[in-house]
Structures are given as structure tokens and as C-alpha cells.
């Protein structure tokens, strides 16, 4: 909202070029691709201009989103959200040991 106030823009009727300028400023400030994508969806939802759904489907918007995706692709964390050593430690204790006497139900 600060950007809209500073630039004296009505976010409900702003043209696509102004919306892309806003999203571009967010990108240059370090905003992630997924956040920009979410903001674009929110803007399209509330925009009352001609064919507001066409904002996100315009060739300029599509090119912009592809561009920021390629410049700053989302980083996927490949490590599991759990501690592998804790799991291995647990498997060395009852009811998992000794493994030859362990019930199959305990492992599933």
C-alpha cells in the first residue's frame, strides 16, 4: 500500500504496465517469486478494469513472471524436515531391536 500511496495510483483500476512496475519494484527489493505470484493473483481478484482476469494472462505479464522465475528460481530444500540421526537412534532401541524378533507392525 505504501507504493500505491507514494505513486498516487488507484490499485483497482491501474493499467497492466503500472501493476508490472509495482511487481518489478518488489522483485528488486528481494521479494520471492512465489510472493509476487500470490500478489498478482490478489490484484487480479480485486482489479475492476476491463477484463481484469486478462492482466495475468497478458503476454507482458506472462513474460514478466517467466523472467523473474528464471532470474530468481525458487530454492527447494532437499533435506528432510526431520533429523535422520534421531530416526536411526530410535531404530536401535526397543521395540525395533533385536530386529529378528521385532513384529513387522512396529516397522510400518
N, C-alpha and C. Protein backbone atom coordinates (compact mmCIF):
# COMPACT_ATOMS: atom_id res chain seq x y z
N UNK A 1 0.81 -1.19 0.00
CA UNK A 1 0.00 0.00 0.00
C UNK A 1 0.86 1.26 0.00
N UNK A 2 2.06 1.19 0.54
CA UNK A 2 2.92 2.36 0.57
C UNK A 2 3.27 2.78 -0.85
N UNK A 3 3.58 1.80 -1.70
CA UNK A 3 3.94 2.10 -3.09
C UNK A 3 2.78 2.78 -3.80
N UNK A 4 1.57 2.27 -3.59
CA UNK A 4 0.38 2.82 -4.23
C UNK A 4 0.15 4.26 -3.77
N UNK A 5 0.32 4.50 -2.48
CA UNK A 5 0.14 5.85 -1.94
C UNK A 5 1.22 6.79 -2.46
N UNK A 6 2.44 6.33 -2.46
CA UNK A 6 3.56 7.15 -2.90
C UNK A 6 3.43 7.53 -4.37
N UNK A 7 2.99 6.60 -5.18
CA UNK A 7 2.86 6.83 -6.62
C UNK A 7 1.50 7.42 -7.00
N UNK A 8 0.60 7.56 -6.01
CA UNK A 8 -0.74 8.10 -6.23
C UNK A 8 -1.48 7.30 -7.31
N UNK A 9 -1.60 5.99 -7.05
CA UNK A 9 -2.20 5.07 -8.02
C UNK A 9 -3.43 4.41 -7.38
N UNK A 10 -4.46 4.25 -8.18
CA UNK A 10 -5.64 3.51 -7.75
C UNK A 10 -5.41 2.04 -8.13
N UNK A 11 -5.19 1.16 -7.15
CA UNK A 11 -4.86 -0.23 -7.47
C UNK A 11 -6.01 -1.00 -8.13
N UNK A 12 -7.22 -0.48 -8.03
CA UNK A 12 -8.37 -1.18 -8.59
C UNK A 12 -8.56 -0.92 -10.08
N UNK A 13 -7.94 0.15 -10.58
CA UNK A 13 -8.11 0.49 -11.99
C UNK A 13 -6.78 0.70 -12.72
N UNK A 14 -5.68 0.41 -12.07
CA UNK A 14 -4.36 0.64 -12.67
C UNK A 14 -4.17 -0.22 -13.91
N UNK A 15 -3.51 0.32 -14.94
CA UNK A 15 -3.24 -0.49 -16.14
C UNK A 15 -2.19 -1.56 -15.85
N UNK A 16 -2.12 -2.54 -16.72
CA UNK A 16 -1.19 -3.65 -16.56
C UNK A 16 0.25 -3.17 -16.42
N UNK A 17 0.63 -2.16 -17.18
CA UNK A 17 2.01 -1.66 -17.11
C UNK A 17 2.36 -1.16 -15.71
N UNK A 18 1.42 -0.51 -15.04
CA UNK A 18 1.67 0.00 -13.69
C UNK A 18 1.74 -1.15 -12.69
N UNK A 19 0.89 -2.14 -12.87
CA UNK A 19 0.92 -3.31 -12.00
C UNK A 19 2.25 -4.04 -12.13
N UNK A 20 2.74 -4.18 -13.35
CA UNK A 20 4.04 -4.83 -13.57
C UNK A 20 5.18 -4.00 -13.01
N UNK A 21 5.06 -2.69 -13.06
CA UNK A 21 6.06 -1.81 -12.46
C UNK A 21 6.11 -2.03 -10.95
N UNK A 22 4.94 -2.15 -10.33
CA UNK A 22 4.86 -2.42 -8.90
C UNK A 22 5.50 -3.77 -8.56
N UNK A 23 5.14 -4.80 -9.31
CA UNK A 23 5.70 -6.13 -9.06
C UNK A 23 7.21 -6.15 -9.29
N UNK A 24 7.65 -5.39 -10.28
CA UNK A 24 9.08 -5.28 -10.56
C UNK A 24 9.83 -4.63 -9.39
N UNK A 25 9.22 -3.61 -8.80
CA UNK A 25 9.87 -2.96 -7.65
C UNK A 25 9.97 -3.94 -6.48
N UNK A 26 8.97 -4.78 -6.30
CA UNK A 26 9.04 -5.79 -5.25
C UNK A 26 10.15 -6.80 -5.51
N UNK A 27 10.26 -7.21 -6.78
CA UNK A 27 11.31 -8.16 -7.15
C UNK A 27 12.69 -7.57 -6.87
N UNK A 28 12.89 -6.31 -7.23
CA UNK A 28 14.19 -5.67 -7.00
C UNK A 28 14.47 -5.45 -5.52
N UNK A 29 13.42 -5.45 -4.70
CA UNK A 29 13.60 -5.34 -3.25
C UNK A 29 13.84 -6.70 -2.60
N UNK A 30 13.84 -7.78 -3.41
CA UNK A 30 14.15 -9.11 -2.90
C UNK A 30 12.95 -9.99 -2.60
N UNK A 31 11.76 -9.58 -3.01
CA UNK A 31 10.57 -10.39 -2.78
C UNK A 31 10.65 -11.67 -3.62
N UNK A 32 10.26 -12.79 -3.04
CA UNK A 32 10.37 -14.07 -3.72
C UNK A 32 9.35 -14.20 -4.85
N UNK A 33 9.64 -15.11 -5.77
CA UNK A 33 8.76 -15.36 -6.91
C UNK A 33 7.37 -15.77 -6.44
N UNK A 34 7.31 -16.66 -5.45
CA UNK A 34 6.01 -17.16 -5.00
C UNK A 34 5.17 -16.05 -4.38
N UNK A 35 5.80 -15.11 -3.69
CA UNK A 35 5.07 -13.98 -3.11
C UNK A 35 4.55 -13.06 -4.20
N UNK A 36 5.37 -12.80 -5.20
CA UNK A 36 4.94 -11.95 -6.32
C UNK A 36 3.79 -12.61 -7.08
N UNK A 37 3.87 -13.91 -7.26
CA UNK A 37 2.81 -14.65 -7.93
C UNK A 37 1.50 -14.55 -7.13
N UNK A 38 1.60 -14.66 -5.82
CA UNK A 38 0.44 -14.54 -4.95
C UNK A 38 -0.16 -13.13 -5.01
N UNK A 39 0.70 -12.11 -5.00
CA UNK A 39 0.23 -10.73 -5.08
C UNK A 39 -0.45 -10.45 -6.42
N UNK A 40 0.09 -11.00 -7.49
CA UNK A 40 -0.54 -10.82 -8.80
C UNK A 40 -1.94 -11.43 -8.81
N UNK A 41 -2.09 -12.59 -8.21
CA UNK A 41 -3.41 -13.23 -8.14
C UNK A 41 -4.38 -12.38 -7.32
N UNK A 42 -3.90 -11.80 -6.23
CA UNK A 42 -4.75 -10.94 -5.39
C UNK A 42 -5.15 -9.68 -6.14
N UNK A 43 -4.21 -9.10 -6.85
CA UNK A 43 -4.51 -7.88 -7.64
C UNK A 43 -5.56 -8.20 -8.69
N UNK A 44 -5.38 -9.30 -9.39
CA UNK A 44 -6.34 -9.69 -10.44
C UNK A 44 -7.72 -9.94 -9.86
N UNK A 45 -7.76 -10.45 -8.64
CA UNK A 45 -9.04 -10.74 -7.99
C UNK A 45 -9.83 -9.47 -7.68
N UNK A 46 -9.13 -8.39 -7.31
CA UNK A 46 -9.81 -7.16 -6.91
C UNK A 46 -9.80 -6.08 -7.97
N UNK A 47 -9.07 -6.28 -9.04
CA UNK A 47 -8.96 -5.26 -10.10
C UNK A 47 -10.29 -5.16 -10.85
N UNK A 48 -10.75 -3.95 -11.04
CA UNK A 48 -12.06 -3.77 -11.69
C UNK A 48 -11.95 -3.22 -13.11
N UNK A 49 -10.77 -3.26 -13.68
CA UNK A 49 -10.60 -2.77 -15.04
C UNK A 49 -11.22 -3.68 -16.06
N UNK A 50 -11.07 -3.31 -17.32
CA UNK A 50 -11.62 -4.12 -18.41
C UNK A 50 -10.94 -5.49 -18.43
N UNK A 51 -11.71 -6.53 -18.26
CA UNK A 51 -11.16 -7.89 -18.31
C UNK A 51 -10.02 -8.08 -17.33
N UNK A 52 -10.27 -7.84 -16.05
CA UNK A 52 -9.20 -7.90 -15.06
C UNK A 52 -8.50 -9.25 -15.03
N UNK A 53 -9.20 -10.31 -15.40
CA UNK A 53 -8.55 -11.61 -15.44
C UNK A 53 -7.50 -11.66 -16.55
N UNK A 54 -7.63 -10.74 -17.51
CA UNK A 54 -6.67 -10.73 -18.61
C UNK A 54 -5.32 -10.13 -18.20
N UNK A 55 -5.26 -9.52 -17.02
CA UNK A 55 -3.98 -8.97 -16.56
C UNK A 55 -2.95 -10.08 -16.44
N UNK A 56 -3.30 -11.14 -15.71
CA UNK A 56 -2.34 -12.23 -15.52
C UNK A 56 -2.14 -13.06 -16.78
N UNK A 57 -3.07 -13.00 -17.71
CA UNK A 57 -2.92 -13.79 -18.93
C UNK A 57 -2.37 -12.97 -20.10
N UNK A 58 -2.06 -11.69 -19.84
CA UNK A 58 -1.48 -10.88 -20.92
C UNK A 58 -0.07 -11.36 -21.23
N UNK A 59 0.36 -11.19 -22.47
CA UNK A 59 1.69 -11.67 -22.87
C UNK A 59 2.80 -10.95 -22.10
N UNK A 60 2.58 -9.69 -21.73
CA UNK A 60 3.58 -8.94 -20.99
C UNK A 60 3.73 -9.49 -19.57
N UNK A 61 2.60 -9.80 -18.96
CA UNK A 61 2.61 -10.33 -17.60
C UNK A 61 3.23 -11.72 -17.58
N UNK A 62 2.87 -12.54 -18.55
CA UNK A 62 3.44 -13.88 -18.62
C UNK A 62 4.95 -13.81 -18.81
N UNK A 63 5.40 -12.93 -19.70
CA UNK A 63 6.84 -12.77 -19.94
C UNK A 63 7.55 -12.27 -18.69
N UNK A 64 6.91 -11.34 -17.97
CA UNK A 64 7.48 -10.81 -16.74
C UNK A 64 7.64 -11.92 -15.70
N UNK A 65 6.60 -12.71 -15.51
CA UNK A 65 6.64 -13.77 -14.50
C UNK A 65 7.67 -14.84 -14.86
N UNK A 66 7.77 -15.18 -16.13
CA UNK A 66 8.79 -16.14 -16.57
C UNK A 66 10.17 -15.56 -16.33
N UNK A 67 10.33 -14.27 -16.62
CA UNK A 67 11.63 -13.62 -16.42
C UNK A 67 12.08 -13.62 -14.97
N UNK A 68 11.19 -13.27 -14.05
CA UNK A 68 11.62 -13.25 -12.65
C UNK A 68 11.81 -14.67 -12.12
N UNK A 69 11.06 -15.62 -12.68
CA UNK A 69 11.28 -17.02 -12.28
C UNK A 69 12.67 -17.47 -12.69
N UNK A 70 13.09 -17.11 -13.91
CA UNK A 70 14.41 -17.52 -14.40
C UNK A 70 15.54 -16.77 -13.70
N UNK A 71 15.29 -15.51 -13.33
CA UNK A 71 16.32 -14.74 -12.63
C UNK A 71 16.48 -15.16 -11.17
N UNK A 72 15.39 -15.60 -10.56
CA UNK A 72 15.43 -15.98 -9.15
C UNK A 72 14.50 -17.18 -8.92
N UNK A 73 14.93 -18.35 -9.40
CA UNK A 73 14.06 -19.52 -9.25
C UNK A 73 13.89 -19.89 -7.78
N UNK A 74 12.73 -20.45 -7.44
CA UNK A 74 12.53 -20.88 -6.06
C UNK A 74 13.57 -21.93 -5.66
N UNK A 75 14.04 -21.85 -4.44
CA UNK A 75 15.03 -22.79 -3.94
C UNK A 75 14.30 -23.86 -3.12
N UNK A 76 14.49 -25.09 -3.53
CA UNK A 76 13.86 -26.19 -2.81
C UNK A 76 14.87 -26.75 -1.81
N UNK A 77 14.42 -26.91 -0.58
CA UNK A 77 15.24 -27.51 0.45
C UNK A 77 15.18 -29.02 0.29
N UNK A 78 16.31 -29.63 -0.06
CA UNK A 78 16.32 -31.06 -0.33
C UNK A 78 16.52 -31.90 0.92
N UNK A 79 16.81 -31.26 2.03
CA UNK A 79 16.97 -32.02 3.27
C UNK A 79 15.60 -32.31 3.88
N UNK A 80 15.45 -33.47 4.47
CA UNK A 80 14.15 -33.80 5.06
C UNK A 80 13.84 -32.89 6.25
N UNK A 81 12.56 -32.70 6.56
CA UNK A 81 12.21 -31.84 7.69
C UNK A 81 12.42 -32.51 9.05
N UNK A 82 12.94 -33.72 9.04
CA UNK A 82 13.18 -34.44 10.29
C UNK A 82 14.66 -34.78 10.38
N UNK A 83 15.12 -35.05 11.58
CA UNK A 83 16.53 -35.35 11.84
C UNK A 83 16.79 -36.83 11.64
N UNK A 84 17.59 -37.15 10.65
CA UNK A 84 17.88 -38.54 10.27
C UNK A 84 18.56 -39.29 11.41
N UNK A 85 19.44 -38.63 12.14
CA UNK A 85 20.16 -39.31 13.23
C UNK A 85 19.20 -39.71 14.35
N UNK A 86 18.19 -38.91 14.62
CA UNK A 86 17.20 -39.25 15.65
C UNK A 86 16.43 -40.51 15.25
N UNK A 87 16.09 -40.61 13.97
CA UNK A 87 15.36 -41.78 13.47
C UNK A 87 16.24 -43.03 13.60
N UNK A 88 17.50 -42.92 13.18
CA UNK A 88 18.40 -44.08 13.28
C UNK A 88 18.62 -44.48 14.72
N UNK A 89 18.76 -43.51 15.60
CA UNK A 89 18.94 -43.79 17.02
C UNK A 89 17.73 -44.54 17.57
N UNK A 90 16.54 -44.12 17.18
CA UNK A 90 15.31 -44.78 17.64
C UNK A 90 15.22 -46.21 17.15
N UNK A 91 15.70 -46.46 15.94
CA UNK A 91 15.64 -47.81 15.37
C UNK A 91 16.60 -48.78 16.06
N UNK A 92 17.53 -48.26 16.85
CA UNK A 92 18.48 -49.14 17.56
C UNK A 92 17.99 -49.47 18.96
N UNK A 93 16.77 -49.03 19.31
CA UNK A 93 16.21 -49.29 20.64
C UNK A 93 14.93 -50.11 20.51
N UNK A 94 14.43 -50.55 21.67
CA UNK A 94 13.17 -51.29 21.68
C UNK A 94 12.06 -50.39 21.17
N UNK A 95 11.09 -50.84 20.45
CA UNK A 95 10.71 -52.22 20.11
C UNK A 95 11.35 -52.71 18.82
N UNK A 96 12.35 -51.98 18.29
CA UNK A 96 12.92 -52.32 16.98
C UNK A 96 14.12 -53.28 17.07
N UNK A 97 14.61 -53.51 18.28
CA UNK A 97 15.74 -54.43 18.43
C UNK A 97 15.38 -55.52 19.41
N UNK A 98 15.88 -56.65 19.24
CA UNK A 98 16.58 -57.15 18.06
C UNK A 98 15.62 -57.30 16.88
N UNK A 99 16.11 -56.98 15.71
CA UNK A 99 15.29 -56.92 14.51
C UNK A 99 14.67 -58.28 14.15
N UNK A 100 15.38 -59.38 14.45
CA UNK A 100 14.84 -60.69 14.08
C UNK A 100 13.64 -61.10 14.94
N UNK A 101 13.47 -60.45 16.09
CA UNK A 101 12.33 -60.74 16.94
C UNK A 101 11.27 -59.64 16.94
N UNK A 102 11.51 -58.62 16.15
CA UNK A 102 10.61 -57.47 16.09
C UNK A 102 9.38 -57.78 15.24
N UNK A 103 8.25 -57.32 15.70
CA UNK A 103 6.99 -57.51 14.96
C UNK A 103 7.00 -56.57 13.75
N UNK A 104 6.56 -57.05 12.61
CA UNK A 104 6.51 -56.25 11.38
C UNK A 104 5.65 -55.01 11.57
N UNK A 105 4.65 -55.09 12.41
CA UNK A 105 3.76 -53.96 12.69
C UNK A 105 4.54 -52.76 13.27
N UNK A 106 5.61 -53.01 13.99
CA UNK A 106 6.42 -51.92 14.58
C UNK A 106 7.14 -51.11 13.52
N UNK A 107 7.46 -51.74 12.40
CA UNK A 107 8.19 -51.04 11.33
C UNK A 107 7.30 -50.28 10.37
N UNK A 108 6.02 -50.53 10.42
CA UNK A 108 5.14 -49.86 9.45
C UNK A 108 4.32 -48.75 10.07
